[in-house]
All heavy atoms as atom14 arrays in JSON, in Angstrom:
{
  "sequence": "STGIGFLDHMVEQFSKHSLIDVTMKVDGDLHVDQHHTTEDSAIALGQ",
  "atom14_mask": [
    [1, 1, 1, 1, 1, 1, 0, 0, 0, 0, 0, 0, 0, 0],
    [1, 1, 1, 1, 1, 1, 1, 0, 0, 0, 0, 0, 0, 0],
    [1, 1, 1, 1, 0, 0, 0, 0, 0, 0, 0, 0, 0, 0],
    [1, 1, 1, 1, 1, 1, 1, 1, 0, 0, 0, 0, 0, 0],
    [1, 1, 1, 1, 0, 0, 0, 0, 0, 0, 0, 0, 0, 0],
    [1, 1, 1, 1, 1, 1, 1, 1, 1, 1, 1, 0, 0, 0],
    [1, 1, 1, 1, 1, 1, 1, 1, 0, 0, 0, 0, 0, 0],
    [1, 1, 1, 1, 1, 1, 1, 1, 0, 0, 0, 0, 0, 0],
    [1, 1, 1, 1, 1, 1, 1, 1, 1, 1, 0, 0, 0, 0],
    [1, 1, 1, 1, 1, 1, 1, 1, 0, 0, 0, 0, 0, 0],
    [1, 1, 1, 1, 1, 1, 1, 0, 0, 0, 0, 0, 0, 0],
    [1, 1, 1, 1, 1, 1, 1, 1, 1, 0, 0, 0, 0, 0],
    [1, 1, 1, 1, 1, 1, 1, 1, 1, 0, 0, 0, 0, 0],
    [1, 1, 1, 1, 1, 1, 1, 1, 1, 1, 1, 0, 0, 0],
    [1, 1, 1, 1, 1, 1, 0, 0, 0, 0, 0, 0, 0, 0],
    [1, 1, 1, 1, 1, 1, 1, 1, 1, 0, 0, 0, 0, 0],
    [1, 1, 1, 1, 1, 1, 1, 1, 1, 1, 0, 0, 0, 0],
    [1, 1, 1, 1, 1, 1, 0, 0, 0, 0, 0, 0, 0, 0],
    [1, 1, 1, 1, 1, 1, 1, 1, 0, 0, 0, 0, 0, 0],
    [1, 1, 1, 1, 1, 1, 1, 1, 0, 0, 0, 0, 0, 0],
    [1, 1, 1, 1, 1, 1, 1, 1, 0, 0, 0, 0, 0, 0],
    [1, 1, 1, 1, 1, 1, 1, 0, 0, 0, 0, 0, 0, 0],
    [1, 1, 1, 1, 1, 1, 1, 0, 0, 0, 0, 0, 0, 0],
    [1, 1, 1, 1, 1, 1, 1, 1, 0, 0, 0, 0, 0, 0],
    [1, 1, 1, 1, 1, 1, 1, 1, 1, 0, 0, 0, 0, 0],
    [1, 1, 1, 1, 1, 1, 1, 0, 0, 0, 0, 0, 0, 0],
    [1, 1, 1, 1, 1, 1, 1, 1, 0, 0, 0, 0, 0, 0],
    [1, 1, 1, 1, 0, 0, 0, 0, 0, 0, 0, 0, 0, 0],
    [1, 1, 1, 1, 1, 1, 1, 1, 0, 0, 0, 0, 0, 0],
    [1, 1, 1, 1, 1, 1, 1, 1, 0, 0, 0, 0, 0, 0],
    [1, 1, 1, 1, 1, 1, 1, 1, 1, 1, 0, 0, 0, 0],
    [1, 1, 1, 1, 1, 1, 1, 0, 0, 0, 0, 0, 0, 0],
    [1, 1, 1, 1, 1, 1, 1, 1, 0, 0, 0, 0, 0, 0],
    [1, 1, 1, 1, 1, 1, 1, 1, 1, 0, 0, 0, 0, 0],
    [1, 1, 1, 1, 1, 1, 1, 1, 1, 1, 0, 0, 0, 0],
    [1, 1, 1, 1, 1, 1, 1, 1, 1, 1, 0, 0, 0, 0],
    [1, 1, 1, 1, 1, 1, 1, 0, 0, 0, 0, 0, 0, 0],
    [1, 1, 1, 1, 1, 1, 1, 0, 0, 0, 0, 0, 0, 0],
    [1, 1, 1, 1, 1, 1, 1, 1, 1, 0, 0, 0, 0, 0],
    [1, 1, 1, 1, 1, 1, 1, 1, 0, 0, 0, 0, 0, 0],
    [1, 1, 1, 1, 1, 1, 0, 0, 0, 0, 0, 0, 0, 0],
    [1, 1, 1, 1, 1, 0, 0, 0, 0, 0, 0, 0, 0, 0],
    [1, 1, 1, 1, 1, 1, 1, 1, 0, 0, 0, 0, 0, 0],
    [1, 1, 1, 1, 1, 0, 0, 0, 0, 0, 0, 0, 0, 0],
    [1, 1, 1, 1, 1, 1, 1, 1, 0, 0, 0, 0, 0, 0],
    [1, 1, 1, 1, 0, 0, 0, 0, 0, 0, 0, 0, 0, 0],
    [1, 1, 1, 1, 1, 1, 1, 1, 1, 0, 0, 0, 0, 0]
  ],
  "atom14_positions": [
    [[0.85, -1.15, 0.0], [0.0, -0.01, -0.01], [0.91, 1.24, -0.02], [1.47, 1.57, 1.01], [-0.93, 0.02, 1.24], [-1.69, 1.19, 1.26], [0.0, 0.0, 0.0], [0.0, 0.0, 0.0], [0.0, 0.0, 0.0], [0.0, 0.0, 0.0], [0.0, 0.0, 0.0], [0.0, 0.0, 0.0], [0.0, 0.0, 0.0], [0.0, 0.0, 0.0]],
    [[1.0, 1.88, -1.17], [1.83, 3.07, -1.26], [1.0, 4.36, -1.46], [1.57, 5.45, -1.39], [2.75, 2.94, -2.5], [1.94, 2.98, -3.74], [3.59, 1.67, -2.46], [0.0, 0.0, 0.0], [0.0, 0.0, 0.0], [0.0, 0.0, 0.0], [0.0, 0.0, 0.0], [0.0, 0.0, 0.0], [0.0, 0.0, 0.0], [0.0, 0.0, 0.0]],
    [[-0.28, 4.23, -1.7], [-1.07, 5.35, -2.02], [-1.13, 5.69, -3.5], [-1.83, 6.59, -3.98], [0.0, 0.0, 0.0], [0.0, 0.0, 0.0], [0.0, 0.0, 0.0], [0.0, 0.0, 0.0], [0.0, 0.0, 0.0], [0.0, 0.0, 0.0], [0.0, 0.0, 0.0], [0.0, 0.0, 0.0], [0.0, 0.0, 0.0], [0.0, 0.0, 0.0]],
    [[-0.32, 4.97, -4.3], [-0.29, 5.08, -5.77], [-0.68, 3.73, -6.34], [0.09, 2.79, -6.29], [1.11, 5.53, -6.27], [1.57, 6.8, -5.62], [1.08, 5.66, -7.79], [3.0, 7.18, -5.93], [0.0, 0.0, 0.0], [0.0, 0.0, 0.0], [0.0, 0.0, 0.0], [0.0, 0.0, 0.0], [0.0, 0.0, 0.0], [0.0, 0.0, 0.0]],
    [[-1.87, 3.65, -6.89], [-2.41, 2.35, -7.29], [-1.55, 1.6, -8.27], [-1.36, 0.38, -8.12], [0.0, 0.0, 0.0], [0.0, 0.0, 0.0], [0.0, 0.0, 0.0], [0.0, 0.0, 0.0], [0.0, 0.0, 0.0], [0.0, 0.0, 0.0], [0.0, 0.0, 0.0], [0.0, 0.0, 0.0], [0.0, 0.0, 0.0], [0.0, 0.0, 0.0]],
    [[-1.02, 2.27, -9.26], [-0.28, 1.55, -10.3], [1.1, 1.11, -9.72], [1.57, -0.01, -10.07], [-0.06, 2.41, -11.54], [0.16, 1.6, -12.77], [-0.94, 1.23, -13.55], [1.42, 1.15, -13.15], [-0.76, 0.44, -14.69], [1.62, 0.39, -14.26], [0.53, 0.0, -15.06], [0.0, 0.0, 0.0], [0.0, 0.0, 0.0], [0.0, 0.0, 0.0]],
    [[1.68, 1.89, -8.86], [2.89, 1.45, -8.19], [2.63, 0.22, -7.34], [3.44, -0.75, -7.32], [3.5, 2.57, -7.36], [4.74, 2.22, -6.52], [5.86, 1.69, -7.41], [5.22, 3.48, -5.71], [0.0, 0.0, 0.0], [0.0, 0.0, 0.0], [0.0, 0.0, 0.0], [0.0, 0.0, 0.0], [0.0, 0.0, 0.0], [0.0, 0.0, 0.0]],
    [[1.52, 0.2, -6.61], [1.13, -0.99, -5.85], [1.1, -2.23, -6.75], [1.66, -3.26, -6.43], [-0.25, -0.8, -5.19], [-0.28, 0.17, -4.07], [0.76, 0.69, -3.72], [-1.41, 0.41, -3.58], [0.0, 0.0, 0.0], [0.0, 0.0, 0.0], [0.0, 0.0, 0.0], [0.0, 0.0, 0.0], [0.0, 0.0, 0.0], [0.0, 0.0, 0.0]],
    [[0.47, -2.05, -7.93], [0.3, -3.16, -8.87], [1.64, -3.69, -9.32], [1.84, -4.89, -9.44], [-0.54, -2.66, -10.04], [-0.88, -3.68, -11.06], [-1.24, -4.97, -10.76], [-0.83, -3.62, -12.43], [-1.46, -5.65, -11.87], [-1.17, -4.86, -12.91], [0.0, 0.0, 0.0], [0.0, 0.0, 0.0], [0.0, 0.0, 0.0], [0.0, 0.0, 0.0]],
    [[2.58, -2.78, -9.56], [3.92, -3.2, -10.06], [4.72, -3.87, -8.95], [5.41, -4.85, -9.22], [4.66, -2.0, -10.63], [4.07, -1.44, -11.91], [3.97, -2.63, -13.25], [2.25, -3.1, -13.19], [0.0, 0.0, 0.0], [0.0, 0.0, 0.0], [0.0, 0.0, 0.0], [0.0, 0.0, 0.0], [0.0, 0.0, 0.0], [0.0, 0.0, 0.0]],
    [[4.67, -3.4, -7.74], [5.39, -4.03, -6.64], [4.8, -5.41, -6.36], [5.5, -6.39, -6.07], [5.39, -3.14, -5.38], [6.06, -3.87, -4.22], [6.12, -1.85, -5.66], [0.0, 0.0, 0.0], [0.0, 0.0, 0.0], [0.0, 0.0, 0.0], [0.0, 0.0, 0.0], [0.0, 0.0, 0.0], [0.0, 0.0, 0.0], [0.0, 0.0, 0.0]],
    [[3.48, -5.53, -6.49], [2.84, -6.82, -6.35], [3.32, -7.79, -7.45], [3.56, -8.97, -7.17], [1.32, -6.67, -6.42], [0.76, -5.97, -5.21], [-0.7, -5.52, -5.38], [-1.21, -5.68, -6.49], [-1.25, -4.94, -4.42], [0.0, 0.0, 0.0], [0.0, 0.0, 0.0], [0.0, 0.0, 0.0], [0.0, 0.0, 0.0], [0.0, 0.0, 0.0]],
    [[3.46, -7.27, -8.68], [3.99, -8.14, -9.77], [5.42, -8.58, -9.45], [5.83, -9.71, -9.68], [3.96, -7.39, -11.08], [2.57, -7.06, -11.62], [1.79, -8.3, -11.97], [2.33, -9.36, -12.22], [0.48, -8.16, -12.05], [0.0, 0.0, 0.0], [0.0, 0.0, 0.0], [0.0, 0.0, 0.0], [0.0, 0.0, 0.0], [0.0, 0.0, 0.0]],
    [[6.24, -7.63, -8.92], [7.63, -7.96, -8.51], [7.62, -9.1, -7.5], [8.38, -10.06, -7.65], [8.32, -6.75, -7.99], [9.63, -7.06, -7.34], [10.75, -7.38, -8.13], [9.79, -7.06, -5.99], [11.99, -7.71, -7.55], [11.01, -7.37, -5.38], [12.08, -7.68, -6.19], [0.0, 0.0, 0.0], [0.0, 0.0, 0.0], [0.0, 0.0, 0.0]],
    [[6.8, -8.96, -6.49], [6.76, -9.99, -5.44], [6.32, -11.32, -6.03], [6.96, -12.39, -5.79], [5.84, -9.54, -4.33], [5.65, -10.56, -3.36], [0.0, 0.0, 0.0], [0.0, 0.0, 0.0], [0.0, 0.0, 0.0], [0.0, 0.0, 0.0], [0.0, 0.0, 0.0], [0.0, 0.0, 0.0], [0.0, 0.0, 0.0], [0.0, 0.0, 0.0]],
    [[5.23, -11.31, -6.77], [4.65, -12.58, -7.26], [5.62, -13.33, -8.15], [5.74, -14.59, -8.03], [3.37, -12.26, -8.03], [2.71, -13.43, -8.74], [2.24, -14.5, -7.78], [1.03, -14.05, -6.99], [0.48, -15.12, -6.13], [0.0, 0.0, 0.0], [0.0, 0.0, 0.0], [0.0, 0.0, 0.0], [0.0, 0.0, 0.0], [0.0, 0.0, 0.0]],
    [[6.34, -12.64, -8.98], [7.14, -13.31, -10.01], [8.6, -13.52, -9.55], [9.3, -14.32, -10.18], [7.08, -12.57, -11.32], [5.71, -12.6, -11.94], [5.24, -13.74, -12.61], [4.68, -11.72, -11.93], [4.04, -13.5, -13.02], [3.66, -12.3, -12.6], [0.0, 0.0, 0.0], [0.0, 0.0, 0.0], [0.0, 0.0, 0.0], [0.0, 0.0, 0.0]],
    [[9.02, -12.88, -8.5], [10.33, -13.12, -7.9], [10.29, -14.19, -6.82], [11.32, -14.71, -6.4], [10.92, -11.85, -7.35], [10.2, -11.43, -6.2], [0.0, 0.0, 0.0], [0.0, 0.0, 0.0], [0.0, 0.0, 0.0], [0.0, 0.0, 0.0], [0.0, 0.0, 0.0], [0.0, 0.0, 0.0], [0.0, 0.0, 0.0], [0.0, 0.0, 0.0]],
    [[9.07, -14.44, -6.31], [8.82, -15.31, -5.15], [9.48, -14.7, -3.88], [9.68, -15.39, -2.88], [9.37, -16.72, -5.34], [8.72, -17.55, -6.46], [9.28, -18.96, -6.49], [7.21, -17.55, -6.31], [0.0, 0.0, 0.0], [0.0, 0.0, 0.0], [0.0, 0.0, 0.0], [0.0, 0.0, 0.0], [0.0, 0.0, 0.0], [0.0, 0.0, 0.0]],
    [[9.71, -13.41, -3.88], [10.18, -12.66, -2.72], [8.94, -12.08, -2.04], [8.19, -11.28, -2.65], [11.14, -11.51, -3.09], [12.4, -12.13, -3.73], [11.5, -10.71, -1.86], [13.33, -11.07, -4.35], [0.0, 0.0, 0.0], [0.0, 0.0, 0.0], [0.0, 0.0, 0.0], [0.0, 0.0, 0.0], [0.0, 0.0, 0.0], [0.0, 0.0, 0.0]],
    [[8.69, -12.52, -0.8], [7.59, -11.9, -0.04], [7.88, -10.42, 0.23], [8.98, -10.08, 0.66], [7.38, -12.63, 1.32], [6.89, -14.07, 1.12], [6.51, -14.44, 0.0], [6.91, -14.81, 2.11], [0.0, 0.0, 0.0], [0.0, 0.0, 0.0], [0.0, 0.0, 0.0], [0.0, 0.0, 0.0], [0.0, 0.0, 0.0], [0.0, 0.0, 0.0]],
    [[6.9, -9.59, -0.01], [7.07, -8.14, 0.19], [5.91, -7.58, 0.96], [4.77, -7.67, 0.55], [7.23, -7.39, -1.14], [7.37, -5.88, -0.93], [8.41, -7.91, -1.97], [0.0, 0.0, 0.0], [0.0, 0.0, 0.0], [0.0, 0.0, 0.0], [0.0, 0.0, 0.0], [0.0, 0.0, 0.0], [0.0, 0.0, 0.0], [0.0, 0.0, 0.0]],
    [[6.22, -6.92, 2.08], [5.25, -6.0, 2.74], [5.81, -4.58, 2.52], [6.98, -4.32, 2.8], [5.18, -6.31, 4.24], [4.65, -7.61, 4.44], [4.28, -5.29, 4.96], [0.0, 0.0, 0.0], [0.0, 0.0, 0.0], [0.0, 0.0, 0.0], [0.0, 0.0, 0.0], [0.0, 0.0, 0.0], [0.0, 0.0, 0.0], [0.0, 0.0, 0.0]],
    [[4.97, -3.74, 2.0], [5.35, -2.35, 1.74], [4.22, -1.43, 2.12], [3.15, -1.46, 1.53], [5.75, -2.14, 0.24], [6.14, -0.71, -0.1], [6.53, -0.46, -1.86], [8.08, -1.34, -1.98], [0.0, 0.0, 0.0], [0.0, 0.0, 0.0], [0.0, 0.0, 0.0], [0.0, 0.0, 0.0], [0.0, 0.0, 0.0], [0.0, 0.0, 0.0]],
    [[4.45, -0.64, 3.18], [3.48, 0.34, 3.64], [4.08, 1.71, 3.57], [5.12, 1.98, 4.2], [3.05, 0.03, 5.08], [2.43, -1.38, 5.28], [1.13, -1.52, 4.52], [0.47, -2.86, 4.74], [-0.73, -3.05, 3.92], [0.0, 0.0, 0.0], [0.0, 0.0, 0.0], [0.0, 0.0, 0.0], [0.0, 0.0, 0.0], [0.0, 0.0, 0.0]],
    [[3.52, 2.61, 2.77], [4.07, 3.92, 2.57], [3.02, 4.97, 2.84], [1.88, 4.91, 2.28], [4.61, 4.09, 1.15], [5.3, 5.44, 1.02], [5.56, 2.98, 0.77], [0.0, 0.0, 0.0], [0.0, 0.0, 0.0], [0.0, 0.0, 0.0], [0.0, 0.0, 0.0], [0.0, 0.0, 0.0], [0.0, 0.0, 0.0], [0.0, 0.0, 0.0]],
    [[3.34, 5.91, 3.68], [2.52, 7.12, 3.9], [3.31, 8.32, 3.44], [4.22, 8.76, 4.15], [2.13, 7.23, 5.37], [1.19, 8.4, 5.65], [0.69, 8.97, 4.7], [1.03, 8.73, 6.82], [0.0, 0.0, 0.0], [0.0, 0.0, 0.0], [0.0, 0.0, 0.0], [0.0, 0.0, 0.0], [0.0, 0.0, 0.0], [0.0, 0.0, 0.0]],
    [[3.03, 8.79, 2.24], [3.88, 9.85, 1.66], [3.12, 11.13, 1.44], [1.9, 11.17, 1.52], [0.0, 0.0, 0.0], [0.0, 0.0, 0.0], [0.0, 0.0, 0.0], [0.0, 0.0, 0.0], [0.0, 0.0, 0.0], [0.0, 0.0, 0.0], [0.0, 0.0, 0.0], [0.0, 0.0, 0.0], [0.0, 0.0, 0.0], [0.0, 0.0, 0.0]],
    [[3.87, 12.15, 1.04], [3.29, 13.47, 0.82], [2.72, 13.6, -0.57], [3.17, 14.42, -1.4], [4.35, 14.57, 1.08], [5.57, 14.43, 0.23], [5.72, 13.42, -0.52], [6.46, 15.29, 0.32], [0.0, 0.0, 0.0], [0.0, 0.0, 0.0], [0.0, 0.0, 0.0], [0.0, 0.0, 0.0], [0.0, 0.0, 0.0], [0.0, 0.0, 0.0]],
    [[1.73, 12.81, -0.85], [1.11, 12.78, -2.18], [0.36, 14.06, -2.49], [0.02, 14.31, -3.68], [0.17, 11.55, -2.32], [0.86, 10.18, -2.28], [-0.18, 9.06, -2.34], [1.84, 10.05, -3.43], [0.0, 0.0, 0.0], [0.0, 0.0, 0.0], [0.0, 0.0, 0.0], [0.0, 0.0, 0.0], [0.0, 0.0, 0.0], [0.0, 0.0, 0.0]],
    [[0.11, 14.9, -1.46], [-0.54, 16.17, -1.74], [0.46, 17.11, -2.45], [0.08, 18.1, -3.07], [-0.98, 16.84, -0.44], [0.14, 17.15, 0.52], [0.76, 16.16, 1.25], [0.71, 18.29, 0.85], [1.71, 16.71, 1.99], [1.71, 17.98, 1.76], [0.0, 0.0, 0.0], [0.0, 0.0, 0.0], [0.0, 0.0, 0.0], [0.0, 0.0, 0.0]],
    [[1.77, 16.78, -2.35], [2.8, 17.55, -3.08], [2.89, 16.97, -4.46], [2.55, 17.65, -5.48], [4.15, 17.48, -2.35], [5.18, 18.19, -3.14], [4.02, 18.1, -0.96], [0.0, 0.0, 0.0], [0.0, 0.0, 0.0], [0.0, 0.0, 0.0], [0.0, 0.0, 0.0], [0.0, 0.0, 0.0], [0.0, 0.0, 0.0], [0.0, 0.0, 0.0]],
    [[3.43, 15.79, -4.6], [3.43, 14.98, -5.84], [3.82, 13.58, -5.5], [3.93, 13.2, -4.32], [4.3, 15.63, -6.9], [5.78, 15.56, -6.59], [6.18, 14.98, -5.57], [6.57, 16.17, -7.36], [0.0, 0.0, 0.0], [0.0, 0.0, 0.0], [0.0, 0.0, 0.0], [0.0, 0.0, 0.0], [0.0, 0.0, 0.0], [0.0, 0.0, 0.0]],
    [[4.09, 12.79, -6.53], [4.37, 11.35, -6.3], [5.88, 11.03, -6.2], [6.25, 9.86, -5.96], [3.77, 10.55, -7.43], [2.28, 10.72, -7.59], [1.82, 10.19, -8.94], [2.55, 10.02, -9.88], [0.52, 9.86, -8.99], [0.0, 0.0, 0.0], [0.0, 0.0, 0.0], [0.0, 0.0, 0.0], [0.0, 0.0, 0.0], [0.0, 0.0, 0.0]],
    [[6.7, 12.01, -6.35], [8.14, 11.79, -6.46], [8.71, 11.18, -5.21], [9.43, 10.15, -5.27], [8.85, 13.09, -6.8], [10.32, 12.91, -7.12], [11.28, 12.86, -6.14], [10.98, 12.8, -8.28], [12.48, 12.68, -6.69], [12.27, 12.66, -8.02], [0.0, 0.0, 0.0], [0.0, 0.0, 0.0], [0.0, 0.0, 0.0], [0.0, 0.0, 0.0]],
    [[8.44, 11.74, -4.05], [9.03, 11.27, -2.79], [8.55, 9.86, -2.46], [9.37, 9.0, -2.04], [8.71, 12.22, -1.64], [9.22, 13.6, -1.82], [8.52, 14.73, -1.47], [10.41, 14.03, -2.39], [9.26, 15.79, -1.76], [10.38, 15.38, -2.31], [0.0, 0.0, 0.0], [0.0, 0.0, 0.0], [0.0, 0.0, 0.0], [0.0, 0.0, 0.0]],
    [[7.3, 9.58, -2.66], [6.75, 8.26, -2.39], [7.41, 7.2, -3.32], [7.78, 6.11, -2.88], [5.2, 8.2, -2.59], [4.64, 9.09, -1.61], [4.64, 6.84, -2.44], [0.0, 0.0, 0.0], [0.0, 0.0, 0.0], [0.0, 0.0, 0.0], [0.0, 0.0, 0.0], [0.0, 0.0, 0.0], [0.0, 0.0, 0.0], [0.0, 0.0, 0.0]],
    [[7.57, 7.53, -4.58], [8.14, 6.62, -5.55], [9.6, 6.39, -5.19], [10.03, 5.23, -5.07], [8.05, 7.19, -6.97], [6.67, 7.36, -7.32], [8.72, 6.26, -7.97], [0.0, 0.0, 0.0], [0.0, 0.0, 0.0], [0.0, 0.0, 0.0], [0.0, 0.0, 0.0], [0.0, 0.0, 0.0], [0.0, 0.0, 0.0], [0.0, 0.0, 0.0]],
    [[10.35, 7.46, -5.03], [11.78, 7.32, -4.76], [12.06, 6.63, -3.43], [12.89, 5.68, -3.35], [12.41, 8.69, -4.75], [13.91, 8.73, -4.44], [14.49, 10.11, -4.47], [14.11, 10.93, -3.6], [15.28, 10.42, -5.4], [0.0, 0.0, 0.0], [0.0, 0.0, 0.0], [0.0, 0.0, 0.0], [0.0, 0.0, 0.0], [0.0, 0.0, 0.0]],
    [[11.4, 7.04, -2.36], [11.7, 6.56, -1.06], [11.27, 5.06, -0.88], [11.91, 4.28, -0.21], [11.02, 7.37, 0.05], [11.67, 8.76, 0.17], [12.59, 9.03, -0.62], [11.21, 9.55, 1.02], [0.0, 0.0, 0.0], [0.0, 0.0, 0.0], [0.0, 0.0, 0.0], [0.0, 0.0, 0.0], [0.0, 0.0, 0.0], [0.0, 0.0, 0.0]],
    [[10.18, 4.68, -1.57], [9.77, 3.25, -1.53], [10.84, 2.39, -2.21], [11.12, 1.26, -1.73], [8.41, 3.04, -2.21], [8.5, 3.26, -3.59], [0.0, 0.0, 0.0], [0.0, 0.0, 0.0], [0.0, 0.0, 0.0], [0.0, 0.0, 0.0], [0.0, 0.0, 0.0], [0.0, 0.0, 0.0], [0.0, 0.0, 0.0], [0.0, 0.0, 0.0]],
    [[11.41, 2.9, -3.25], [12.46, 2.13, -3.98], [13.74, 2.07, -3.14], [14.37, 1.02, -3.08], [12.74, 2.76, -5.34], [0.0, 0.0, 0.0], [0.0, 0.0, 0.0], [0.0, 0.0, 0.0], [0.0, 0.0, 0.0], [0.0, 0.0, 0.0], [0.0, 0.0, 0.0], [0.0, 0.0, 0.0], [0.0, 0.0, 0.0], [0.0, 0.0, 0.0]],
    [[14.13, 3.17, -2.52], [15.3, 3.18, -1.66], [15.16, 2.19, -0.52], [16.04, 1.36, -0.23], [15.57, 4.58, -1.11], [16.02, 5.55, -2.23], [16.61, 4.57, 0.0], [16.04, 6.99, -1.8], [0.0, 0.0, 0.0], [0.0, 0.0, 0.0], [0.0, 0.0, 0.0], [0.0, 0.0, 0.0], [0.0, 0.0, 0.0], [0.0, 0.0, 0.0]],
    [[14.02, 2.2, 0.15], [13.79, 1.3, 1.28], [13.73, -0.15, 0.84], [14.24, -1.03, 1.53], [12.53, 1.71, 2.01], [0.0, 0.0, 0.0], [0.0, 0.0, 0.0], [0.0, 0.0, 0.0], [0.0, 0.0, 0.0], [0.0, 0.0, 0.0], [0.0, 0.0, 0.0], [0.0, 0.0, 0.0], [0.0, 0.0, 0.0], [0.0, 0.0, 0.0]],
    [[13.12, -0.4, -0.34], [13.1, -1.77, -0.85], [14.5, -2.27, -1.1], [14.85, -3.4, -0.73], [12.23, -1.86, -2.12], [12.18, -3.24, -2.75], [11.58, -4.28, -1.87], [11.46, -3.17, -4.07], [0.0, 0.0, 0.0], [0.0, 0.0, 0.0], [0.0, 0.0, 0.0], [0.0, 0.0, 0.0], [0.0, 0.0, 0.0], [0.0, 0.0, 0.0]],
    [[15.34, -1.43, -1.7], [16.7, -1.8, -1.98], [17.47, -2.08, -0.67], [18.24, -3.05, -0.55], [0.0, 0.0, 0.0], [0.0, 0.0, 0.0], [0.0, 0.0, 0.0], [0.0, 0.0, 0.0], [0.0, 0.0, 0.0], [0.0, 0.0, 0.0], [0.0, 0.0, 0.0], [0.0, 0.0, 0.0], [0.0, 0.0, 0.0], [0.0, 0.0, 0.0]],
    [[17.24, -1.28, 0.34], [17.87, -1.45, 1.65], [17.43, -2.78, 2.28], [18.26, -3.51, 2.83], [17.56, -0.31, 2.56], [18.24, 1.01, 2.17], [17.73, 2.16, 3.0], [16.62, 2.16, 3.56], [18.54, 3.24, 3.05], [0.0, 0.0, 0.0], [0.0, 0.0, 0.0], [0.0, 0.0, 0.0], [0.0, 0.0, 0.0], [0.0, 0.0, 0.0]]
  ]
}
């Protein structure tokens, strides 16, 4: 749950087809734009 529906869909695809279990909960400043939510979710996933 990132607050961006299509990003959710893509991370779900990543999990399903990699067989890597993924929990991802993001509360971002979407009232500004989607940049921080997109970038920070990727950084945290990589970490």
